[in-house]
């Protein structure tokens, strides 16, 4: 995949916008798209959508932060702190765990344990929300951590990965589950 090529090549200080531009350029190269204006439009559309979703979820995350210790666990490129700072969500999280920075990636339980240790909570006292059954749900399940699958629309066939687990279609749905 185009984003796999970026792992280990991104400076820790690379901005959100420049990260997206590198991703878009790599994807365009893989698809043999050479039109610079098309590549730029794709990057601009992604950035606009991402900022719209971030603005919408920022209020929710701020409410959750008042009641819970929040963290991010991500298979990323080494610059997740910078990206979170750029999009103004860094203060909402007590911990940001970037796979490139810690040397392991989801679903490896060690990446989840790193976040839990930094937050000062046990797997039994944590809930992980993720969008990947193979990476997020499997990693959280391996530690016995409650996990909520953010599926988007429509829900995947077969239901959640574990009996009794919740599936949500939007991050906004998580607040009701945690109440």
N, C-alpha and C. Protein backbone atom coordinates (compact mmCIF):
# COMPACT_ATOMS: atom_id res chain seq x y z
N UNK A 1 0.83 -1.18 0.00
CA UNK A 1 0.00 0.00 0.00
C UNK A 1 0.87 1.24 0.00
N UNK A 2 0.29 2.32 -0.49
CA UNK A 2 1.03 3.58 -0.60
C UNK A 2 1.47 4.10 0.76
N UNK A 3 0.64 3.90 1.79
CA UNK A 3 1.03 4.43 3.09
C UNK A 3 2.11 3.59 3.76
N UNK A 4 2.21 2.31 3.44
CA UNK A 4 3.27 1.47 4.00
C UNK A 4 4.65 1.99 3.62
N UNK A 5 4.75 2.57 2.43
CA UNK A 5 6.04 3.09 1.97
C UNK A 5 6.51 4.27 2.80
N UNK A 6 5.61 4.92 3.52
CA UNK A 6 5.98 6.08 4.32
C UNK A 6 6.52 5.71 5.70
N UNK A 7 6.22 4.51 6.16
CA UNK A 7 6.67 4.10 7.49
C UNK A 7 8.20 4.14 7.53
N UNK A 8 8.71 4.85 8.52
CA UNK A 8 10.16 4.97 8.68
C UNK A 8 10.80 6.04 7.82
N UNK A 9 10.02 6.73 6.99
CA UNK A 9 10.59 7.75 6.11
C UNK A 9 10.11 9.16 6.44
N UNK A 10 9.16 9.26 7.35
CA UNK A 10 8.55 10.55 7.67
C UNK A 10 9.30 11.20 8.83
N UNK A 11 9.71 12.46 8.66
CA UNK A 11 10.32 13.15 9.81
C UNK A 11 9.28 13.34 10.92
N UNK A 12 9.72 13.27 12.14
CA UNK A 12 8.81 13.39 13.28
C UNK A 12 8.04 14.72 13.28
N UNK A 13 8.59 15.72 12.63
CA UNK A 13 7.99 17.06 12.61
C UNK A 13 7.16 17.33 11.37
N UNK A 14 6.95 16.33 10.50
CA UNK A 14 6.18 16.57 9.28
C UNK A 14 4.73 16.89 9.62
N UNK A 15 4.22 17.96 9.05
CA UNK A 15 2.87 18.43 9.36
C UNK A 15 1.79 17.49 8.81
N UNK A 16 0.59 17.69 9.31
CA UNK A 16 -0.56 16.94 8.84
C UNK A 16 -0.74 17.13 7.34
N UNK A 17 -0.73 18.38 6.89
CA UNK A 17 -0.93 18.66 5.47
C UNK A 17 0.15 18.01 4.62
N UNK A 18 1.40 18.11 5.03
CA UNK A 18 2.48 17.51 4.24
C UNK A 18 2.43 15.98 4.28
N UNK A 19 1.97 15.41 5.38
CA UNK A 19 1.80 13.96 5.45
C UNK A 19 0.75 13.52 4.45
N UNK A 20 -0.37 14.23 4.42
CA UNK A 20 -1.44 13.90 3.46
C UNK A 20 -0.93 14.06 2.03
N UNK A 21 -0.17 15.09 1.76
CA UNK A 21 0.36 15.29 0.41
C UNK A 21 1.31 14.14 0.01
N UNK A 22 2.12 13.68 0.95
CA UNK A 22 3.00 12.54 0.65
C UNK A 22 2.19 11.27 0.41
N UNK A 23 1.16 11.07 1.22
CA UNK A 23 0.28 9.91 1.01
C UNK A 23 -0.40 9.98 -0.36
N UNK A 24 -0.91 11.14 -0.69
CA UNK A 24 -1.60 11.32 -1.97
C UNK A 24 -0.64 11.11 -3.13
N UNK A 25 0.55 11.62 -3.01
CA UNK A 25 1.54 11.44 -4.07
C UNK A 25 1.89 9.96 -4.24
N UNK A 26 2.03 9.25 -3.12
CA UNK A 26 2.34 7.82 -3.20
C UNK A 26 1.20 7.03 -3.81
N UNK A 27 -0.02 7.38 -3.45
CA UNK A 27 -1.18 6.72 -4.03
C UNK A 27 -1.29 7.01 -5.53
N UNK A 28 -1.07 8.26 -5.90
CA UNK A 28 -1.10 8.64 -7.31
C UNK A 28 -0.04 7.88 -8.10
N UNK A 29 1.13 7.75 -7.53
CA UNK A 29 2.20 7.01 -8.19
C UNK A 29 1.82 5.55 -8.38
N UNK A 30 1.25 4.95 -7.33
CA UNK A 30 0.84 3.55 -7.41
C UNK A 30 -0.25 3.34 -8.45
N UNK A 31 -1.09 4.35 -8.65
CA UNK A 31 -2.18 4.26 -9.63
C UNK A 31 -1.79 4.84 -10.99
N UNK A 32 -0.55 5.27 -11.12
CA UNK A 32 -0.03 5.87 -12.36
C UNK A 32 -0.82 7.12 -12.75
N UNK A 33 -1.24 7.90 -11.76
CA UNK A 33 -1.90 9.19 -12.01
C UNK A 33 -0.80 10.24 -12.04
N UNK A 34 -0.73 10.98 -13.13
CA UNK A 34 0.35 11.96 -13.29
C UNK A 34 -0.14 13.41 -13.29
N UNK A 35 -1.45 13.61 -13.34
CA UNK A 35 -2.00 14.96 -13.41
C UNK A 35 -1.90 15.63 -12.04
N UNK A 36 -1.05 16.64 -11.94
CA UNK A 36 -0.79 17.31 -10.67
C UNK A 36 -2.04 17.95 -10.09
N UNK A 37 -2.91 18.48 -10.93
CA UNK A 37 -4.12 19.12 -10.41
C UNK A 37 -5.07 18.09 -9.80
N UNK A 38 -5.13 16.90 -10.38
CA UNK A 38 -5.97 15.84 -9.81
C UNK A 38 -5.42 15.40 -8.46
N UNK A 39 -4.12 15.23 -8.40
CA UNK A 39 -3.47 14.82 -7.14
C UNK A 39 -3.72 15.88 -6.07
N UNK A 40 -3.59 17.15 -6.43
CA UNK A 40 -3.82 18.23 -5.47
C UNK A 40 -5.28 18.26 -5.02
N UNK A 41 -6.23 18.05 -5.94
CA UNK A 41 -7.65 18.04 -5.58
C UNK A 41 -7.96 16.91 -4.61
N UNK A 42 -7.36 15.74 -4.82
CA UNK A 42 -7.58 14.62 -3.91
C UNK A 42 -7.06 14.97 -2.51
N UNK A 43 -5.87 15.53 -2.45
CA UNK A 43 -5.30 15.92 -1.16
C UNK A 43 -6.16 16.98 -0.49
N UNK A 44 -6.59 17.99 -1.23
CA UNK A 44 -7.42 19.06 -0.66
C UNK A 44 -8.75 18.52 -0.16
N UNK A 45 -9.34 17.59 -0.90
CA UNK A 45 -10.63 17.01 -0.49
C UNK A 45 -10.46 16.20 0.79
N UNK A 46 -9.38 15.41 0.86
CA UNK A 46 -9.12 14.63 2.07
C UNK A 46 -8.92 15.56 3.27
N UNK A 47 -8.11 16.60 3.09
CA UNK A 47 -7.85 17.53 4.18
C UNK A 47 -9.13 18.22 4.65
N UNK A 48 -9.95 18.66 3.70
CA UNK A 48 -11.20 19.32 4.07
C UNK A 48 -12.12 18.38 4.84
N UNK A 49 -12.25 17.14 4.36
CA UNK A 49 -13.09 16.15 5.06
C UNK A 49 -12.53 15.84 6.45
N UNK A 50 -11.23 15.68 6.54
CA UNK A 50 -10.61 15.37 7.83
C UNK A 50 -10.85 16.51 8.82
N UNK A 51 -10.65 17.74 8.39
CA UNK A 51 -10.86 18.88 9.28
C UNK A 51 -12.33 18.99 9.70
N UNK A 52 -13.25 18.70 8.80
CA UNK A 52 -14.68 18.74 9.12
C UNK A 52 -15.00 17.69 10.20
N UNK A 53 -14.50 16.48 10.03
CA UNK A 53 -14.74 15.42 11.02
C UNK A 53 -14.07 15.76 12.36
N UNK A 54 -12.88 16.30 12.30
CA UNK A 54 -12.19 16.68 13.54
C UNK A 54 -12.96 17.74 14.30
N UNK A 55 -13.44 18.76 13.59
CA UNK A 55 -14.22 19.82 14.26
C UNK A 55 -15.48 19.23 14.90
N UNK A 56 -16.14 18.33 14.19
CA UNK A 56 -17.37 17.72 14.71
C UNK A 56 -17.07 16.89 15.95
N UNK A 57 -15.98 16.16 15.95
CA UNK A 57 -15.67 15.25 17.07
C UNK A 57 -14.94 15.92 18.22
N UNK A 58 -14.42 17.11 18.00
CA UNK A 58 -13.65 17.79 19.04
C UNK A 58 -14.50 18.08 20.28
N UNK A 59 -15.74 18.48 20.10
CA UNK A 59 -16.62 18.77 21.22
C UNK A 59 -16.89 17.49 22.01
N UNK A 60 -17.16 16.40 21.31
CA UNK A 60 -17.39 15.11 21.96
C UNK A 60 -16.15 14.68 22.74
N UNK A 61 -15.00 14.76 22.12
CA UNK A 61 -13.76 14.36 22.80
C UNK A 61 -13.50 15.21 24.04
N UNK A 62 -13.82 16.49 23.95
CA UNK A 62 -13.64 17.36 25.11
C UNK A 62 -14.57 16.94 26.25
N UNK A 63 -15.81 16.57 25.94
CA UNK A 63 -16.73 16.08 26.98
C UNK A 63 -16.21 14.77 27.58
N UNK A 64 -15.76 13.86 26.72
CA UNK A 64 -15.24 12.58 27.20
C UNK A 64 -14.00 12.77 28.06
N UNK A 65 -13.16 13.69 27.67
CA UNK A 65 -11.92 13.96 28.41
C UNK A 65 -12.21 14.42 29.84
N UNK A 66 -13.34 15.09 30.03
CA UNK A 66 -13.71 15.54 31.37
C UNK A 66 -14.04 14.37 32.30
N UNK A 67 -14.39 13.22 31.73
CA UNK A 67 -14.79 12.05 32.52
C UNK A 67 -13.82 10.88 32.45
N UNK A 68 -13.02 10.81 31.39
CA UNK A 68 -12.15 9.66 31.15
C UNK A 68 -10.76 10.12 30.75
N UNK A 69 -9.79 9.24 30.96
CA UNK A 69 -8.44 9.47 30.43
C UNK A 69 -8.43 8.91 29.01
N UNK A 70 -8.16 9.75 28.05
CA UNK A 70 -8.21 9.36 26.64
C UNK A 70 -6.80 9.18 26.08
N UNK A 71 -6.71 8.27 25.14
CA UNK A 71 -5.45 8.05 24.44
C UNK A 71 -5.70 7.64 23.01
N UNK A 72 -4.66 7.73 22.22
CA UNK A 72 -4.69 7.27 20.83
C UNK A 72 -3.62 6.20 20.69
N UNK A 73 -3.98 5.09 20.07
CA UNK A 73 -3.04 4.05 19.69
C UNK A 73 -3.18 3.92 18.19
N UNK A 74 -2.10 4.17 17.46
CA UNK A 74 -2.20 4.19 16.00
C UNK A 74 -0.98 3.57 15.33
N UNK A 75 -1.25 2.82 14.27
CA UNK A 75 -0.18 2.41 13.36
C UNK A 75 0.06 3.63 12.48
N UNK A 76 1.16 4.33 12.76
CA UNK A 76 1.39 5.61 12.08
C UNK A 76 2.83 5.70 11.60
N UNK A 77 3.28 6.87 11.27
CA UNK A 77 4.56 7.07 10.58
C UNK A 77 5.67 7.65 11.44
N UNK A 78 5.37 7.95 12.70
CA UNK A 78 6.38 8.55 13.57
C UNK A 78 6.11 10.00 13.89
N UNK A 79 5.11 10.60 13.25
CA UNK A 79 4.81 12.02 13.45
C UNK A 79 3.40 12.27 13.99
N UNK A 80 2.82 11.29 14.67
CA UNK A 80 1.44 11.44 15.14
C UNK A 80 1.29 12.59 16.13
N UNK A 81 2.27 12.80 17.01
CA UNK A 81 2.21 13.94 17.93
C UNK A 81 2.10 15.25 17.16
N UNK A 82 2.91 15.40 16.14
CA UNK A 82 2.89 16.62 15.33
C UNK A 82 1.55 16.78 14.63
N UNK A 83 1.04 15.70 14.05
CA UNK A 83 -0.24 15.75 13.36
C UNK A 83 -1.34 16.15 14.34
N UNK A 84 -1.37 15.55 15.52
CA UNK A 84 -2.40 15.88 16.51
C UNK A 84 -2.28 17.33 16.97
N UNK A 85 -1.04 17.81 17.08
CA UNK A 85 -0.83 19.22 17.42
C UNK A 85 -1.36 20.12 16.29
N UNK A 86 -1.06 19.78 15.05
CA UNK A 86 -1.50 20.58 13.90
C UNK A 86 -3.01 20.72 13.83
N UNK A 87 -3.71 19.65 14.16
CA UNK A 87 -5.18 19.67 14.05
C UNK A 87 -5.85 20.02 15.38
N UNK A 88 -5.04 20.44 16.34
CA UNK A 88 -5.51 20.98 17.61
C UNK A 88 -6.29 19.99 18.48
N UNK A 89 -5.88 18.72 18.44
CA UNK A 89 -6.51 17.73 19.32
C UNK A 89 -5.52 17.17 20.35
N UNK A 90 -4.27 17.50 20.25
CA UNK A 90 -3.27 16.96 21.17
C UNK A 90 -3.64 17.15 22.65
N UNK A 91 -4.15 18.33 23.06
CA UNK A 91 -4.48 18.50 24.48
C UNK A 91 -5.63 17.62 24.98
N UNK A 92 -6.37 17.01 24.07
CA UNK A 92 -7.51 16.18 24.48
C UNK A 92 -7.07 14.80 24.96
N UNK A 93 -5.83 14.43 24.69
CA UNK A 93 -5.39 13.07 24.96
C UNK A 93 -4.25 13.04 25.98
N UNK A 94 -4.36 12.10 26.91
CA UNK A 94 -3.32 11.91 27.90
C UNK A 94 -2.12 11.16 27.36
N UNK A 95 -2.34 10.43 26.27
CA UNK A 95 -1.26 9.66 25.67
C UNK A 95 -1.52 9.49 24.17
N UNK A 96 -0.45 9.59 23.41
CA UNK A 96 -0.48 9.32 21.97
C UNK A 96 0.59 8.26 21.73
N UNK A 97 0.18 7.08 21.25
CA UNK A 97 1.13 6.00 20.99
C UNK A 97 1.17 5.76 19.49
N UNK A 98 2.31 6.08 18.91
CA UNK A 98 2.57 5.98 17.47
C UNK A 98 3.44 4.73 17.26
N UNK A 99 2.96 3.81 16.46
CA UNK A 99 3.66 2.54 16.27
C UNK A 99 5.12 2.72 15.85
N UNK A 100 5.39 3.68 15.02
CA UNK A 100 6.76 3.90 14.56
C UNK A 100 7.65 4.36 15.72
N UNK A 101 7.08 5.07 16.66
CA UNK A 101 7.85 5.55 17.81
C UNK A 101 8.10 4.47 18.86
N UNK A 102 7.17 3.52 19.00
CA UNK A 102 7.33 2.50 20.04
C UNK A 102 7.85 1.17 19.52
N UNK A 103 7.95 1.01 18.21
CA UNK A 103 8.57 -0.18 17.65
C UNK A 103 7.68 -1.41 17.54
N UNK A 104 6.39 -1.25 17.68
CA UNK A 104 5.46 -2.35 17.44
C UNK A 104 4.14 -1.75 16.98
N UNK A 105 3.36 -2.55 16.29
CA UNK A 105 2.12 -2.03 15.73
C UNK A 105 0.95 -2.95 16.05
N UNK A 106 -0.24 -2.39 15.95
CA UNK A 106 -1.45 -3.17 16.18
C UNK A 106 -1.51 -4.28 15.14
N UNK A 107 -1.89 -5.46 15.55
CA UNK A 107 -2.58 -5.86 16.77
C UNK A 107 -1.67 -6.33 17.91
N UNK A 108 -0.37 -6.12 17.82
CA UNK A 108 0.55 -6.54 18.87
C UNK A 108 0.09 -5.96 20.22
N UNK A 109 -0.15 -6.81 21.20
CA UNK A 109 -0.63 -6.31 22.50
C UNK A 109 0.30 -5.29 23.15
N UNK A 110 1.59 -5.32 22.81
CA UNK A 110 2.54 -4.40 23.44
C UNK A 110 2.20 -2.93 23.17
N UNK A 111 1.66 -2.63 21.99
CA UNK A 111 1.33 -1.23 21.70
C UNK A 111 0.18 -0.76 22.57
N UNK A 112 -0.78 -1.66 22.81
CA UNK A 112 -1.90 -1.33 23.69
C UNK A 112 -1.42 -1.20 25.13
N UNK A 113 -0.54 -2.12 25.55
CA UNK A 113 0.01 -2.07 26.91
C UNK A 113 0.78 -0.78 27.15
N UNK A 114 1.49 -0.31 26.14
CA UNK A 114 2.21 0.96 26.27
C UNK A 114 1.25 2.08 26.60
N UNK A 115 0.14 2.15 25.87
CA UNK A 115 -0.86 3.20 26.13
C UNK A 115 -1.46 3.04 27.52
N UNK A 116 -1.82 1.82 27.88
CA UNK A 116 -2.44 1.58 29.19
C UNK A 116 -1.50 1.96 30.32
N UNK A 117 -0.23 1.59 30.20
CA UNK A 117 0.75 1.93 31.24
C UNK A 117 0.91 3.44 31.37
N UNK A 118 0.97 4.13 30.23
CA UNK A 118 1.13 5.59 30.26
C UNK A 118 -0.11 6.28 30.83
N UNK A 119 -1.27 5.68 30.64
CA UNK A 119 -2.50 6.23 31.20
C UNK A 119 -2.71 5.81 32.65
N UNK A 120 -1.98 4.79 33.09
CA UNK A 120 -2.11 4.30 34.46
C UNK A 120 -3.38 3.51 34.70
N UNK A 121 -3.81 2.74 33.68
CA UNK A 121 -5.01 1.91 33.82
C UNK A 121 -4.70 0.48 33.39
N UNK A 122 -5.52 -0.44 33.85
CA UNK A 122 -5.37 -1.84 33.46
C UNK A 122 -6.28 -2.14 32.27
N UNK A 123 -6.02 -3.22 31.55
CA UNK A 123 -6.92 -3.59 30.45
C UNK A 123 -8.37 -3.75 30.91
N UNK A 124 -8.57 -4.26 32.10
CA UNK A 124 -9.93 -4.47 32.60
C UNK A 124 -10.66 -3.15 32.84
N UNK A 125 -9.91 -2.07 33.03
CA UNK A 125 -10.52 -0.76 33.30
C UNK A 125 -10.54 0.15 32.08
N UNK A 126 -10.22 -0.40 30.92
CA UNK A 126 -10.14 0.41 29.70
C UNK A 126 -11.13 -0.08 28.65
N UNK A 127 -11.47 0.82 27.76
CA UNK A 127 -12.29 0.49 26.60
C UNK A 127 -11.57 1.03 25.38
N UNK A 128 -11.40 0.17 24.38
CA UNK A 128 -10.75 0.58 23.14
C UNK A 128 -11.80 0.74 22.06
N UNK A 129 -11.76 1.85 21.35
CA UNK A 129 -12.64 2.09 20.21
C UNK A 129 -11.76 2.08 18.97
N UNK A 130 -12.11 1.22 18.01
CA UNK A 130 -11.31 1.13 16.80
C UNK A 130 -12.16 0.73 15.62
N UNK A 131 -11.57 0.90 14.43
CA UNK A 131 -12.33 0.63 13.20
C UNK A 131 -11.86 -0.59 12.43
N UNK A 132 -10.90 -1.32 12.97
CA UNK A 132 -10.37 -2.49 12.26
C UNK A 132 -10.53 -3.75 13.12
N UNK A 133 -11.26 -4.72 12.59
CA UNK A 133 -11.41 -5.98 13.32
C UNK A 133 -10.06 -6.67 13.48
N UNK A 134 -9.27 -6.67 12.41
CA UNK A 134 -8.00 -7.40 12.43
C UNK A 134 -6.95 -6.75 13.31
N UNK A 135 -6.90 -5.43 13.33
CA UNK A 135 -5.86 -4.75 14.11
C UNK A 135 -6.38 -4.31 15.49
N UNK A 136 -7.47 -3.56 15.50
CA UNK A 136 -7.95 -2.96 16.74
C UNK A 136 -8.66 -3.96 17.65
N UNK A 137 -9.65 -4.62 17.11
CA UNK A 137 -10.45 -5.53 17.95
C UNK A 137 -9.60 -6.72 18.40
N UNK A 138 -8.79 -7.26 17.50
CA UNK A 138 -7.95 -8.40 17.87
C UNK A 138 -6.92 -8.02 18.93
N UNK A 139 -6.32 -6.85 18.81
CA UNK A 139 -5.33 -6.42 19.79
C UNK A 139 -5.93 -6.18 21.16
N UNK A 140 -7.07 -5.51 21.20
CA UNK A 140 -7.74 -5.25 22.47
C UNK A 140 -8.23 -6.56 23.09
N UNK A 141 -8.79 -7.42 22.27
CA UNK A 141 -9.30 -8.71 22.75
C UNK A 141 -8.18 -9.54 23.36
N UNK A 142 -6.99 -9.49 22.78
CA UNK A 142 -5.85 -10.27 23.28
C UNK A 142 -5.50 -9.90 24.72
N UNK A 143 -5.82 -8.67 25.12
CA UNK A 143 -5.54 -8.21 26.48
C UNK A 143 -6.75 -8.30 27.40
N UNK A 144 -7.86 -8.74 26.85
CA UNK A 144 -9.08 -8.79 27.65
C UNK A 144 -9.71 -7.43 27.85
N UNK A 145 -9.37 -6.49 26.99
CA UNK A 145 -9.89 -5.14 27.08
C UNK A 145 -11.24 -5.06 26.36
N UNK A 146 -12.18 -4.37 26.97
CA UNK A 146 -13.45 -4.11 26.30
C UNK A 146 -13.14 -3.36 25.00
N UNK A 147 -13.85 -3.72 23.94
CA UNK A 147 -13.59 -3.06 22.67
C UNK A 147 -14.90 -2.76 21.95
N UNK A 148 -14.93 -1.60 21.34
CA UNK A 148 -16.09 -1.12 20.60
C UNK A 148 -15.64 -0.92 19.16
N UNK A 149 -16.39 -1.55 18.26
CA UNK A 149 -16.02 -1.52 16.84
C UNK A 149 -16.76 -0.38 16.15
N UNK A 150 -16.00 0.59 15.68
CA UNK A 150 -16.52 1.72 14.91
C UNK A 150 -16.57 1.28 13.45
N UNK A 151 -17.76 0.90 12.99
CA UNK A 151 -17.88 0.25 11.69
C UNK A 151 -18.20 1.19 10.55
N UNK A 152 -18.72 2.36 10.83
CA UNK A 152 -19.22 3.19 9.75
C UNK A 152 -20.51 2.59 9.23
N UNK A 153 -20.89 2.97 8.05
CA UNK A 153 -22.14 2.46 7.46
C UNK A 153 -21.80 1.63 6.24
N UNK A 154 -22.48 0.57 5.97
CA UNK A 154 -23.33 -0.17 6.89
C UNK A 154 -22.49 -1.07 7.78
N UNK A 155 -23.13 -1.65 8.76
CA UNK A 155 -22.43 -2.56 9.66
C UNK A 155 -21.99 -3.79 8.88
N UNK A 156 -20.82 -4.31 9.18
CA UNK A 156 -20.36 -5.51 8.49
C UNK A 156 -21.24 -6.72 8.81
N UNK A 157 -21.33 -7.66 7.89
CA UNK A 157 -22.12 -8.86 8.17
C UNK A 157 -21.48 -9.67 9.30
N UNK A 158 -22.30 -10.35 10.04
CA UNK A 158 -21.77 -11.21 11.10
C UNK A 158 -21.70 -10.57 12.46
N UNK A 159 -21.88 -9.27 12.55
CA UNK A 159 -21.89 -8.62 13.84
C UNK A 159 -20.50 -8.42 14.42
N UNK A 160 -20.44 -8.09 15.71
CA UNK A 160 -19.15 -7.80 16.35
C UNK A 160 -18.27 -9.04 16.42
N UNK A 161 -17.00 -8.81 16.72
CA UNK A 161 -16.05 -9.93 16.76
C UNK A 161 -16.24 -10.81 17.97
N UNK A 162 -16.76 -10.25 19.05
CA UNK A 162 -16.95 -11.02 20.27
C UNK A 162 -18.39 -10.86 20.75
N UNK A 163 -18.99 -11.93 21.26
CA UNK A 163 -20.36 -11.82 21.78
C UNK A 163 -20.45 -10.74 22.85
N UNK A 164 -21.47 -9.92 22.75
CA UNK A 164 -21.68 -8.87 23.73
C UNK A 164 -20.97 -7.58 23.42
N UNK A 165 -20.07 -7.56 22.44
CA UNK A 165 -19.37 -6.32 22.09
C UNK A 165 -20.29 -5.39 21.31
N UNK A 166 -20.04 -4.13 21.46
CA UNK A 166 -20.83 -3.12 20.78
C UNK A 166 -20.21 -2.77 19.44
N UNK A 167 -21.08 -2.41 18.51
CA UNK A 167 -20.66 -1.84 17.23
C UNK A 167 -21.34 -0.48 17.13
N UNK A 168 -20.59 0.53 16.72
CA UNK A 168 -21.15 1.85 16.53
C UNK A 168 -20.85 2.31 15.11
N UNK A 169 -21.64 3.27 14.65
CA UNK A 169 -21.50 3.75 13.28
C UNK A 169 -20.84 5.12 13.22
N UNK A 170 -20.72 5.75 14.37
CA UNK A 170 -20.13 7.08 14.45
C UNK A 170 -19.48 7.21 15.82
N UNK A 171 -18.42 7.99 15.89
CA UNK A 171 -17.78 8.21 17.17
C UNK A 171 -18.75 8.84 18.16
N UNK A 172 -19.72 9.61 17.67
CA UNK A 172 -20.72 10.23 18.54
C UNK A 172 -21.51 9.17 19.32
N UNK A 173 -21.61 7.96 18.79
CA UNK A 173 -22.36 6.90 19.46
C UNK A 173 -21.66 6.34 20.69
N UNK A 174 -20.37 6.60 20.83
CA UNK A 174 -19.62 6.01 21.94
C UNK A 174 -20.04 6.59 23.29
N UNK A 175 -20.43 7.84 23.31
CA UNK A 175 -20.77 8.48 24.57
C UNK A 175 -21.91 7.77 25.28
N UNK A 176 -22.93 7.37 24.56
CA UNK A 176 -24.06 6.66 25.16
C UNK A 176 -23.65 5.31 25.71
N UNK A 177 -22.70 4.65 25.06
CA UNK A 177 -22.25 3.34 25.54
C UNK A 177 -21.44 3.43 26.83
N UNK A 178 -20.76 4.52 27.01
CA UNK A 178 -19.91 4.69 28.19
C UNK A 178 -20.65 5.26 29.39
N UNK A 179 -21.85 5.76 29.16
CA UNK A 179 -22.62 6.41 30.25
C UNK A 179 -23.07 5.40 31.28
